[in-house]
Amino acid sequence: MEYRGAEAKVILKEESAVKKRERKKYRHSELDEKLRSSRTSEEVKNTRRARKYGANTPEISESDKDTLEMERIEGEPVKKVIEKDSGIAEKIGENIGKMHSADVIHGDLTTSNLIWTGEEAYIIDFGLSTVSERAEDKAVDIHLFKQVLESSYPEVAVEAWEKFLGGYKNYSESEKILEQLEDVESRGRYK
């Protein structure tokens, strides 16, 4: 099975998933190669870093300049199950808290980039991730998740957000991040 995203294609194998960043013909070839290589390197580094701090992420087995092979996580994208079981948001919050304790900012926290195995939530696709200690960056990260809940799942958004917060509060810095979230939400850019 093959999936295409904006920057890469993902091929699902029996036990693994292979993500390959494809060449962009509109870019100068040297710049394109450099971008693909640096983005792949950052994705590998940040996925491993989040995992080291206890976040559920795929284990990466191999990587090169534009390709990475990782463990295939069996489950459903959260976007397909959260309306039926908003309680899973608590596990999501726990995992995002662990990822943030590693100072990893996902950059694209949507229900498409979370997998529910039936027992655990996994964070996937660290392609836009960065490392930052800033409360602002972590608040913006979870603000996106909250916006996705409100816009795509209005029937369960409030309950799912409360569950998310219950799990996220296991993160020792959560109070500071949630205070910053209020500030982020008060600005027009994020409304």
N, C-alpha and C. Protein backbone atom coordinates (compact mmCIF):
# COMPACT_ATOMS: atom_id res chain seq x y z
N MET A 1 0.85 -1.17 0.00
CA MET A 1 0.00 0.00 0.00
C MET A 1 0.90 1.24 0.00
N GLU A 2 0.49 2.26 -0.73
CA GLU A 2 1.29 3.47 -0.85
C GLU A 2 0.43 4.70 -0.59
N TYR A 3 1.00 5.65 0.17
CA TYR A 3 0.34 6.92 0.45
C TYR A 3 1.26 8.05 0.00
N ARG A 4 0.66 9.10 -0.52
CA ARG A 4 1.45 10.26 -0.94
C ARG A 4 1.06 11.47 -0.11
N GLY A 5 2.09 12.15 0.36
CA GLY A 5 1.90 13.41 1.08
C GLY A 5 2.50 14.53 0.27
N ALA A 6 2.56 15.71 0.85
CA ALA A 6 3.10 16.87 0.15
C ALA A 6 4.59 16.74 -0.13
N GLU A 7 5.32 16.09 0.77
CA GLU A 7 6.77 16.01 0.63
C GLU A 7 7.29 14.61 0.37
N ALA A 8 6.48 13.60 0.65
CA ALA A 8 7.03 12.24 0.59
C ALA A 8 5.95 11.24 0.23
N LYS A 9 6.42 10.06 -0.13
CA LYS A 9 5.50 8.94 -0.28
C LYS A 9 5.87 7.92 0.79
N VAL A 10 4.85 7.24 1.30
CA VAL A 10 5.05 6.22 2.33
C VAL A 10 4.55 4.91 1.77
N ILE A 11 5.41 3.91 1.81
CA ILE A 11 5.06 2.58 1.35
C ILE A 11 4.96 1.68 2.57
N LEU A 12 3.78 1.09 2.76
CA LEU A 12 3.58 0.18 3.88
C LEU A 12 3.94 -1.24 3.45
N LYS A 13 4.88 -1.81 4.18
CA LYS A 13 5.26 -3.20 3.98
C LYS A 13 4.63 -4.02 5.09
N GLU A 14 4.89 -5.32 5.10
CA GLU A 14 4.29 -6.19 6.11
C GLU A 14 4.66 -5.77 7.54
N GLU A 15 5.93 -5.49 7.78
CA GLU A 15 6.40 -5.18 9.13
C GLU A 15 6.93 -3.76 9.27
N SER A 16 7.06 -3.04 8.17
CA SER A 16 7.67 -1.71 8.24
C SER A 16 6.96 -0.73 7.33
N ALA A 17 7.33 0.53 7.50
CA ALA A 17 6.86 1.60 6.63
C ALA A 17 8.10 2.32 6.12
N VAL A 18 8.13 2.59 4.83
CA VAL A 18 9.26 3.29 4.22
C VAL A 18 8.77 4.65 3.74
N LYS A 19 9.44 5.70 4.23
CA LYS A 19 9.09 7.06 3.83
C LYS A 19 10.22 7.61 2.97
N LYS A 20 9.87 8.04 1.77
CA LYS A 20 10.87 8.56 0.83
C LYS A 20 10.46 9.96 0.39
N ARG A 21 11.34 10.90 0.65
CA ARG A 21 11.12 12.26 0.18
C ARG A 21 11.49 12.31 -1.29
N GLU A 22 10.53 12.72 -2.09
CA GLU A 22 10.74 12.73 -3.53
C GLU A 22 11.35 14.04 -3.99
N ARG A 23 12.12 13.92 -5.04
CA ARG A 23 12.76 15.08 -5.64
C ARG A 23 11.69 16.04 -6.16
N LYS A 24 11.91 17.33 -5.92
CA LYS A 24 11.03 18.38 -6.43
C LYS A 24 11.71 18.99 -7.65
N LYS A 25 11.13 18.76 -8.80
CA LYS A 25 11.76 19.18 -10.05
C LYS A 25 11.85 20.69 -10.20
N TYR A 26 10.99 21.43 -9.49
CA TYR A 26 11.01 22.88 -9.61
C TYR A 26 12.16 23.51 -8.81
N ARG A 27 12.81 22.71 -7.94
CA ARG A 27 13.93 23.22 -7.16
C ARG A 27 15.25 22.94 -7.88
N HIS A 28 16.21 23.80 -7.63
CA HIS A 28 17.57 23.53 -8.10
C HIS A 28 18.00 22.20 -7.49
N SER A 29 18.62 21.33 -8.27
CA SER A 29 18.92 19.97 -7.82
C SER A 29 19.78 19.91 -6.56
N GLU A 30 20.78 20.78 -6.45
CA GLU A 30 21.62 20.75 -5.24
C GLU A 30 20.84 21.20 -4.01
N LEU A 31 20.04 22.24 -4.16
CA LEU A 31 19.22 22.71 -3.05
C LEU A 31 18.20 21.64 -2.66
N ASP A 32 17.58 21.03 -3.64
CA ASP A 32 16.60 19.98 -3.38
C ASP A 32 17.22 18.83 -2.59
N GLU A 33 18.38 18.40 -3.01
CA GLU A 33 19.05 17.29 -2.32
C GLU A 33 19.40 17.68 -0.89
N LYS A 34 19.87 18.89 -0.71
CA LYS A 34 20.23 19.36 0.63
C LYS A 34 19.00 19.43 1.54
N LEU A 35 17.89 19.96 1.02
CA LEU A 35 16.65 20.04 1.80
C LEU A 35 16.11 18.66 2.18
N ARG A 36 16.07 17.77 1.20
CA ARG A 36 15.56 16.42 1.49
C ARG A 36 16.43 15.72 2.53
N SER A 37 17.72 15.88 2.40
CA SER A 37 18.65 15.25 3.34
C SER A 37 18.51 15.83 4.74
N SER A 38 18.47 17.15 4.85
CA SER A 38 18.38 17.76 6.19
C SER A 38 17.03 17.47 6.84
N ARG A 39 15.96 17.48 6.08
CA ARG A 39 14.63 17.19 6.65
C ARG A 39 14.53 15.73 7.10
N THR A 40 15.12 14.83 6.33
CA THR A 40 15.11 13.42 6.73
C THR A 40 15.93 13.24 8.00
N SER A 41 17.09 13.85 8.04
CA SER A 41 17.96 13.77 9.21
C SER A 41 17.26 14.31 10.47
N GLU A 42 16.61 15.46 10.34
CA GLU A 42 15.88 16.05 11.48
C GLU A 42 14.73 15.15 11.92
N GLU A 43 14.01 14.58 10.97
CA GLU A 43 12.89 13.70 11.30
C GLU A 43 13.37 12.49 12.09
N VAL A 44 14.46 11.89 11.65
CA VAL A 44 15.02 10.73 12.35
C VAL A 44 15.44 11.14 13.76
N LYS A 45 16.19 12.21 13.86
CA LYS A 45 16.71 12.68 15.15
C LYS A 45 15.57 12.98 16.12
N ASN A 46 14.54 13.69 15.67
CA ASN A 46 13.46 14.11 16.56
C ASN A 46 12.53 12.96 16.92
N THR A 47 12.31 12.03 16.00
CA THR A 47 11.51 10.86 16.33
C THR A 47 12.21 10.04 17.41
N ARG A 48 13.49 9.83 17.23
CA ARG A 48 14.27 9.07 18.22
C ARG A 48 14.34 9.78 19.55
N ARG A 49 14.47 11.08 19.51
CA ARG A 49 14.54 11.86 20.75
C ARG A 49 13.23 11.74 21.54
N ALA A 50 12.10 11.89 20.86
CA ALA A 50 10.80 11.77 21.53
C ALA A 50 10.63 10.37 22.11
N ARG A 51 11.04 9.37 21.36
CA ARG A 51 10.93 7.98 21.81
C ARG A 51 11.79 7.74 23.05
N LYS A 52 12.97 8.32 23.06
CA LYS A 52 13.89 8.18 24.20
C LYS A 52 13.24 8.70 25.49
N TYR A 53 12.39 9.71 25.36
CA TYR A 53 11.72 10.30 26.51
C TYR A 53 10.37 9.62 26.82
N GLY A 54 10.10 8.51 26.17
CA GLY A 54 8.93 7.71 26.49
C GLY A 54 7.72 7.89 25.61
N ALA A 55 7.78 8.79 24.64
CA ALA A 55 6.63 8.97 23.74
C ALA A 55 6.53 7.76 22.82
N ASN A 56 5.32 7.37 22.51
CA ASN A 56 5.10 6.28 21.56
C ASN A 56 5.29 6.82 20.16
N THR A 57 6.37 6.36 19.53
CA THR A 57 6.67 6.72 18.14
C THR A 57 7.14 5.45 17.44
N PRO A 58 7.10 5.43 16.12
CA PRO A 58 7.68 4.27 15.43
C PRO A 58 9.18 4.22 15.67
N GLU A 59 9.71 3.03 15.80
CA GLU A 59 11.15 2.86 15.92
C GLU A 59 11.75 2.90 14.51
N ILE A 60 12.75 3.73 14.32
CA ILE A 60 13.38 3.87 13.01
C ILE A 60 14.53 2.89 12.92
N SER A 61 14.50 2.06 11.88
CA SER A 61 15.53 1.03 11.74
C SER A 61 16.65 1.45 10.79
N GLU A 62 16.33 2.19 9.76
CA GLU A 62 17.34 2.60 8.77
C GLU A 62 16.98 3.97 8.23
N SER A 63 18.01 4.69 7.81
CA SER A 63 17.77 5.96 7.11
C SER A 63 18.98 6.30 6.26
N ASP A 64 18.71 7.06 5.21
CA ASP A 64 19.78 7.62 4.40
C ASP A 64 19.38 9.05 4.06
N LYS A 65 19.93 9.61 3.01
CA LYS A 65 19.73 11.03 2.75
C LYS A 65 18.28 11.44 2.50
N ASP A 66 17.44 10.59 1.95
CA ASP A 66 16.06 11.00 1.69
C ASP A 66 15.03 9.92 2.02
N THR A 67 15.46 8.85 2.67
CA THR A 67 14.56 7.73 2.95
C THR A 67 14.76 7.26 4.38
N LEU A 68 13.66 6.89 5.01
CA LEU A 68 13.77 6.24 6.32
C LEU A 68 12.81 5.07 6.38
N GLU A 69 13.28 4.04 7.05
CA GLU A 69 12.44 2.85 7.25
C GLU A 69 12.18 2.73 8.74
N MET A 70 10.92 2.52 9.07
CA MET A 70 10.52 2.48 10.47
C MET A 70 9.53 1.36 10.71
N GLU A 71 9.33 1.10 11.98
CA GLU A 71 8.35 0.12 12.43
C GLU A 71 6.96 0.53 11.91
N ARG A 72 6.21 -0.44 11.45
CA ARG A 72 4.83 -0.18 11.03
C ARG A 72 3.94 -0.30 12.27
N ILE A 73 3.20 0.74 12.57
CA ILE A 73 2.29 0.75 13.72
C ILE A 73 0.92 0.28 13.23
N GLU A 74 0.49 -0.84 13.77
CA GLU A 74 -0.82 -1.39 13.40
C GLU A 74 -1.91 -0.69 14.21
N GLY A 75 -2.85 -0.11 13.53
CA GLY A 75 -3.94 0.57 14.20
C GLY A 75 -4.70 1.44 13.22
N GLU A 76 -5.49 2.32 13.77
CA GLU A 76 -6.31 3.23 12.97
C GLU A 76 -5.84 4.66 13.19
N PRO A 77 -5.88 5.48 12.15
CA PRO A 77 -5.61 6.90 12.38
C PRO A 77 -6.65 7.44 13.38
N VAL A 78 -6.21 8.27 14.30
CA VAL A 78 -7.10 8.82 15.32
C VAL A 78 -8.30 9.50 14.67
N LYS A 79 -8.12 10.07 13.48
CA LYS A 79 -9.23 10.76 12.82
C LYS A 79 -10.41 9.83 12.56
N LYS A 80 -10.17 8.53 12.50
CA LYS A 80 -11.25 7.58 12.23
C LYS A 80 -11.92 7.06 13.50
N VAL A 81 -11.32 7.29 14.68
CA VAL A 81 -11.86 6.69 15.90
C VAL A 81 -12.22 7.67 17.00
N ILE A 82 -11.77 8.89 16.93
CA ILE A 82 -11.95 9.81 18.07
C ILE A 82 -13.42 10.15 18.32
N GLU A 83 -14.23 10.18 17.28
CA GLU A 83 -15.66 10.47 17.48
C GLU A 83 -16.36 9.34 18.22
N LYS A 84 -15.89 8.12 18.02
CA LYS A 84 -16.49 6.97 18.70
C LYS A 84 -15.98 6.83 20.12
N ASP A 85 -14.75 7.30 20.38
CA ASP A 85 -14.15 7.15 21.70
C ASP A 85 -13.25 8.34 22.01
N SER A 86 -13.84 9.41 22.49
CA SER A 86 -13.06 10.62 22.78
C SER A 86 -12.10 10.41 23.95
N GLY A 87 -12.30 9.34 24.71
CA GLY A 87 -11.43 9.04 25.85
C GLY A 87 -9.99 8.75 25.45
N ILE A 88 -9.78 8.39 24.18
CA ILE A 88 -8.42 8.12 23.73
C ILE A 88 -7.55 9.37 23.77
N ALA A 89 -8.20 10.54 23.84
CA ALA A 89 -7.45 11.80 23.89
C ALA A 89 -6.58 11.89 25.13
N GLU A 90 -6.92 11.17 26.19
CA GLU A 90 -6.08 11.18 27.38
C GLU A 90 -4.71 10.57 27.08
N LYS A 91 -4.70 9.45 26.37
CA LYS A 91 -3.43 8.82 25.97
C LYS A 91 -2.66 9.72 25.01
N ILE A 92 -3.38 10.41 24.15
CA ILE A 92 -2.73 11.35 23.23
C ILE A 92 -2.04 12.44 24.04
N GLY A 93 -2.75 13.00 25.02
CA GLY A 93 -2.17 14.04 25.86
C GLY A 93 -0.93 13.58 26.60
N GLU A 94 -0.97 12.35 27.12
CA GLU A 94 0.21 11.79 27.80
C GLU A 94 1.41 11.75 26.86
N ASN A 95 1.17 11.27 25.64
CA ASN A 95 2.26 11.14 24.68
C ASN A 95 2.80 12.47 24.21
N ILE A 96 1.91 13.43 24.00
CA ILE A 96 2.37 14.76 23.60
C ILE A 96 3.19 15.37 24.74
N GLY A 97 2.77 15.15 25.97
CA GLY A 97 3.54 15.62 27.12
C GLY A 97 4.93 15.01 27.16
N LYS A 98 5.03 13.72 26.89
CA LYS A 98 6.35 13.06 26.86
C LYS A 98 7.20 13.62 25.72
N MET A 99 6.58 13.85 24.58
CA MET A 99 7.30 14.42 23.45
C MET A 99 7.80 15.82 23.81
N HIS A 100 6.95 16.62 24.44
CA HIS A 100 7.34 17.97 24.83
C HIS A 100 8.40 17.95 25.93
N SER A 101 8.41 16.93 26.77
CA SER A 101 9.46 16.85 27.79
C SER A 101 10.82 16.65 27.15
N ALA A 102 10.83 16.13 25.91
CA ALA A 102 12.07 15.98 25.13
C ALA A 102 12.37 17.25 24.34
N ASP A 103 11.53 18.29 24.51
CA ASP A 103 11.64 19.55 23.77
C ASP A 103 11.46 19.35 22.26
N VAL A 104 10.72 18.31 21.88
CA VAL A 104 10.40 18.09 20.48
C VAL A 104 9.05 18.74 20.19
N ILE A 105 9.04 19.59 19.18
CA ILE A 105 7.82 20.24 18.71
C ILE A 105 7.44 19.52 17.42
N HIS A 106 6.26 18.94 17.39
CA HIS A 106 5.85 18.12 16.24
C HIS A 106 5.65 18.97 14.99
N GLY A 107 4.93 20.07 15.14
CA GLY A 107 4.72 20.96 14.01
C GLY A 107 3.51 20.64 13.16
N ASP A 108 2.89 19.48 13.36
CA ASP A 108 1.73 19.09 12.55
C ASP A 108 0.86 18.11 13.35
N LEU A 109 0.49 18.52 14.56
CA LEU A 109 -0.29 17.64 15.45
C LEU A 109 -1.75 17.59 15.02
N THR A 110 -2.03 16.73 14.09
CA THR A 110 -3.41 16.52 13.63
C THR A 110 -3.81 15.09 13.92
N THR A 111 -5.08 14.81 13.80
CA THR A 111 -5.56 13.45 14.05
C THR A 111 -5.12 12.48 12.96
N SER A 112 -4.58 12.99 11.87
CA SER A 112 -4.02 12.13 10.83
C SER A 112 -2.62 11.64 11.19
N ASN A 113 -1.95 12.36 12.09
CA ASN A 113 -0.58 12.01 12.47
C ASN A 113 -0.52 11.34 13.83
N LEU A 114 -1.64 10.75 14.21
CA LEU A 114 -1.72 9.97 15.45
C LEU A 114 -2.40 8.65 15.11
N ILE A 115 -1.84 7.56 15.63
CA ILE A 115 -2.40 6.23 15.39
C ILE A 115 -2.88 5.65 16.72
N TRP A 116 -4.08 5.08 16.71
CA TRP A 116 -4.63 4.42 17.89
C TRP A 116 -4.56 2.92 17.67
N THR A 117 -3.85 2.22 18.56
CA THR A 117 -3.67 0.77 18.41
C THR A 117 -4.78 -0.03 19.08
N GLY A 118 -5.65 0.63 19.79
CA GLY A 118 -6.67 -0.05 20.59
C GLY A 118 -6.35 0.07 22.06
N GLU A 119 -5.09 0.34 22.36
CA GLU A 119 -4.65 0.52 23.74
C GLU A 119 -3.77 1.76 23.93
N GLU A 120 -3.05 2.12 22.89
CA GLU A 120 -2.09 3.22 22.98
C GLU A 120 -2.21 4.15 21.78
N ALA A 121 -1.80 5.40 22.00
CA ALA A 121 -1.72 6.38 20.92
C ALA A 121 -0.25 6.51 20.51
N TYR A 122 -0.01 6.54 19.22
CA TYR A 122 1.34 6.72 18.67
C TYR A 122 1.38 8.00 17.85
N ILE A 123 2.48 8.71 17.97
CA ILE A 123 2.71 9.93 17.20
C ILE A 123 3.55 9.54 15.99
N ILE A 124 3.10 9.93 14.81
CA ILE A 124 3.85 9.61 13.59
C ILE A 124 4.15 10.90 12.82
N ASP A 125 4.96 10.78 11.81
CA ASP A 125 5.29 11.84 10.85
C ASP A 125 5.89 13.08 11.52
N PHE A 126 7.15 12.98 11.86
CA PHE A 126 7.90 14.08 12.46
C PHE A 126 8.58 14.93 11.39
N GLY A 127 8.03 14.93 10.19
CA GLY A 127 8.63 15.63 9.07
C GLY A 127 8.72 17.14 9.22
N LEU A 128 7.89 17.74 10.05
CA LEU A 128 7.94 19.19 10.29
C LEU A 128 8.44 19.51 11.69
N SER A 129 8.99 18.54 12.37
CA SER A 129 9.37 18.71 13.77
C SER A 129 10.64 19.54 13.93
N THR A 130 10.73 20.14 15.10
CA THR A 130 11.90 20.92 15.50
C THR A 130 12.17 20.63 16.97
N VAL A 131 13.26 21.16 17.48
CA VAL A 131 13.57 21.07 18.90
C VAL A 131 13.54 22.48 19.47
N SER A 132 12.81 22.66 20.55
CA SER A 132 12.71 23.97 21.19
C SER A 132 12.30 23.80 22.65
N GLU A 133 12.91 24.59 23.51
CA GLU A 133 12.54 24.62 24.92
C GLU A 133 11.44 25.63 25.18
N ARG A 134 11.11 26.45 24.20
CA ARG A 134 10.18 27.56 24.39
C ARG A 134 8.74 27.10 24.66
N ALA A 135 8.16 27.65 25.72
CA ALA A 135 6.77 27.35 26.05
C ALA A 135 5.85 27.76 24.90
N GLU A 136 6.17 28.86 24.24
CA GLU A 136 5.38 29.36 23.11
C GLU A 136 5.26 28.29 22.02
N ASP A 137 6.37 27.66 21.67
CA ASP A 137 6.36 26.65 20.60
C ASP A 137 5.53 25.44 20.99
N LYS A 138 5.63 25.04 22.24
CA LYS A 138 4.85 23.88 22.71
C LYS A 138 3.36 24.24 22.76
N ALA A 139 3.05 25.47 23.16
CA ALA A 139 1.65 25.91 23.20
C ALA A 139 1.05 25.96 21.80
N VAL A 140 1.82 26.45 20.83
CA VAL A 140 1.33 26.49 19.45
C VAL A 140 1.11 25.07 18.94
N ASP A 141 1.99 24.15 19.32
CA ASP A 141 1.87 22.75 18.92
C ASP A 141 0.52 22.17 19.37
N ILE A 142 0.18 22.36 20.65
CA ILE A 142 -1.08 21.78 21.12
C ILE A 142 -2.29 22.62 20.70
N HIS A 143 -2.06 23.89 20.40
CA HIS A 143 -3.16 24.71 19.89
C HIS A 143 -3.68 24.15 18.56
N LEU A 144 -2.78 23.70 17.72
CA LEU A 144 -3.20 23.11 16.45
C LEU A 144 -4.08 21.89 16.71
N PHE A 145 -3.67 21.03 17.65
CA PHE A 145 -4.48 19.85 17.96
C PHE A 145 -5.87 20.28 18.43
N LYS A 146 -5.93 21.28 19.29
CA LYS A 146 -7.22 21.76 19.79
C LYS A 146 -8.08 22.29 18.64
N GLN A 147 -7.47 23.04 17.72
CA GLN A 147 -8.22 23.57 16.57
C GLN A 147 -8.78 22.43 15.70
N VAL A 148 -7.98 21.39 15.51
CA VAL A 148 -8.45 20.24 14.72
C VAL A 148 -9.66 19.61 15.40
N LEU A 149 -9.60 19.44 16.72
CA LEU A 149 -10.74 18.88 17.45
C LEU A 149 -11.98 19.74 17.25
N GLU A 150 -11.83 21.05 17.43
CA GLU A 150 -12.99 21.95 17.35
C GLU A 150 -13.58 22.03 15.95
N SER A 151 -12.73 22.02 14.93
CA SER A 151 -13.24 22.18 13.57
C SER A 151 -13.73 20.87 12.95
N SER A 152 -13.09 19.76 13.29
CA SER A 152 -13.43 18.50 12.63
C SER A 152 -14.33 17.58 13.45
N TYR A 153 -14.34 17.76 14.77
CA TYR A 153 -15.11 16.86 15.64
C TYR A 153 -15.89 17.66 16.67
N PRO A 154 -16.75 18.60 16.23
CA PRO A 154 -17.42 19.49 17.18
C PRO A 154 -18.27 18.76 18.23
N GLU A 155 -18.79 17.59 17.89
CA GLU A 155 -19.65 16.86 18.83
C GLU A 155 -18.88 16.35 20.04
N VAL A 156 -17.60 16.06 19.87
CA VAL A 156 -16.81 15.49 20.97
C VAL A 156 -15.64 16.38 21.37
N ALA A 157 -15.52 17.56 20.76
CA ALA A 157 -14.33 18.41 20.95
C ALA A 157 -14.10 18.78 22.41
N VAL A 158 -15.14 19.22 23.11
CA VAL A 158 -14.97 19.66 24.50
C VAL A 158 -14.52 18.50 25.38
N GLU A 159 -15.21 17.38 25.25
CA GLU A 159 -14.86 16.21 26.06
C GLU A 159 -13.46 15.69 25.71
N ALA A 160 -13.14 15.63 24.42
CA ALA A 160 -11.82 15.14 24.00
C ALA A 160 -10.72 16.08 24.50
N TRP A 161 -10.96 17.39 24.44
CA TRP A 161 -9.95 18.34 24.92
C TRP A 161 -9.72 18.18 26.42
N GLU A 162 -10.79 17.99 27.19
CA GLU A 162 -10.66 17.77 28.64
C GLU A 162 -9.85 16.50 28.92
N LYS A 163 -10.12 15.45 28.15
CA LYS A 163 -9.35 14.20 28.32
C LYS A 163 -7.89 14.43 27.94
N PHE A 164 -7.67 15.15 26.84
CA PHE A 164 -6.31 15.47 26.42
C PHE A 164 -5.56 16.18 27.55
N LEU A 165 -6.21 17.20 28.14
CA LEU A 165 -5.57 17.94 29.22
C LEU A 165 -5.26 17.04 30.41
N GLY A 166 -6.15 16.11 30.71
CA GLY A 166 -5.90 15.17 31.81
C GLY A 166 -4.62 14.38 31.59
N GLY A 167 -4.39 13.96 30.37
CA GLY A 167 -3.16 13.23 30.06
C GLY A 167 -1.95 14.14 29.97
N TYR A 168 -2.12 15.32 29.37
CA TYR A 168 -1.00 16.25 29.18
C TYR A 168 -0.47 16.76 30.52
N LYS A 169 -1.34 16.86 31.51
CA LYS A 169 -0.94 17.39 32.82
C LYS A 169 0.03 16.48 33.56
N ASN A 170 0.29 15.28 33.04
CA ASN A 170 1.34 14.43 33.61
C ASN A 170 2.72 15.00 33.30
N TYR A 171 2.81 15.88 32.33
CA TYR A 171 4.05 16.54 31.94
C TYR A 171 4.34 17.63 32.97
N SER A 172 5.53 17.61 33.55
CA SER A 172 5.87 18.52 34.65
C SER A 172 5.77 20.00 34.28
N GLU A 173 5.95 20.36 33.04
CA GLU A 173 5.90 21.76 32.61
C GLU A 173 4.53 22.15 32.05
N SER A 174 3.55 21.27 32.18
CA SER A 174 2.25 21.50 31.53
C SER A 174 1.57 22.79 31.96
N GLU A 175 1.67 23.13 33.23
CA GLU A 175 0.99 24.34 33.71
C GLU A 175 1.51 25.57 32.98
N LYS A 176 2.83 25.65 32.83
CA LYS A 176 3.44 26.78 32.12
C LYS A 176 3.01 26.80 30.65
N ILE A 177 2.94 25.62 30.03
CA ILE A 177 2.56 25.54 28.62
C ILE A 177 1.10 25.94 28.45
N LEU A 178 0.24 25.49 29.35
CA LEU A 178 -1.18 25.80 29.24
C LEU A 178 -1.45 27.28 29.51
N GLU A 179 -0.66 27.92 30.38
CA GLU A 179 -0.77 29.36 30.56
C GLU A 179 -0.39 30.08 29.26
N GLN A 180 0.67 29.59 28.63
CA GLN A 180 1.12 30.17 27.36
C GLN A 180 0.07 29.94 26.28
N LEU A 181 -0.62 28.79 26.32
CA LEU A 181 -1.67 28.50 25.36
C LEU A 181 -2.77 29.56 25.42
N GLU A 182 -3.13 29.99 26.63
CA GLU A 182 -4.14 31.04 26.77
C GLU A 182 -3.69 32.31 26.06
N ASP A 183 -2.41 32.63 26.21
CA ASP A 183 -1.87 33.82 25.55
C ASP A 183 -1.90 33.65 24.02
N VAL A 184 -1.51 32.48 23.56
CA VAL A 184 -1.53 32.18 22.11
C VAL A 184 -2.94 32.34 21.55
N GLU A 185 -3.91 31.80 22.28
CA GLU A 185 -5.30 31.83 21.80
C GLU A 185 -5.90 33.24 21.83
N SER A 186 -5.32 34.12 22.64
CA SER A 186 -5.85 35.47 22.74
C SER A 186 -5.40 36.35 21.55
N ARG A 187 -4.41 35.89 20.83
CA ARG A 187 -3.90 36.65 19.68
C ARG A 187 -4.72 36.36 18.44
N GLY A 188 -4.96 37.33 17.63
CA GLY A 188 -5.80 37.19 16.44
C GLY A 188 -5.27 36.18 15.45
N ARG A 189 -3.95 36.04 15.34
CA ARG A 189 -3.35 35.14 14.36
C ARG A 189 -3.82 33.69 14.53
N TYR A 190 -4.08 33.29 15.78
CA TYR A 190 -4.43 31.90 16.04
C TYR A 190 -5.91 31.67 16.26
N LYS A 191 -6.74 32.69 16.03
CA LYS A 191 -8.19 32.52 16.24
C LYS A 191 -8.85 31.91 15.04
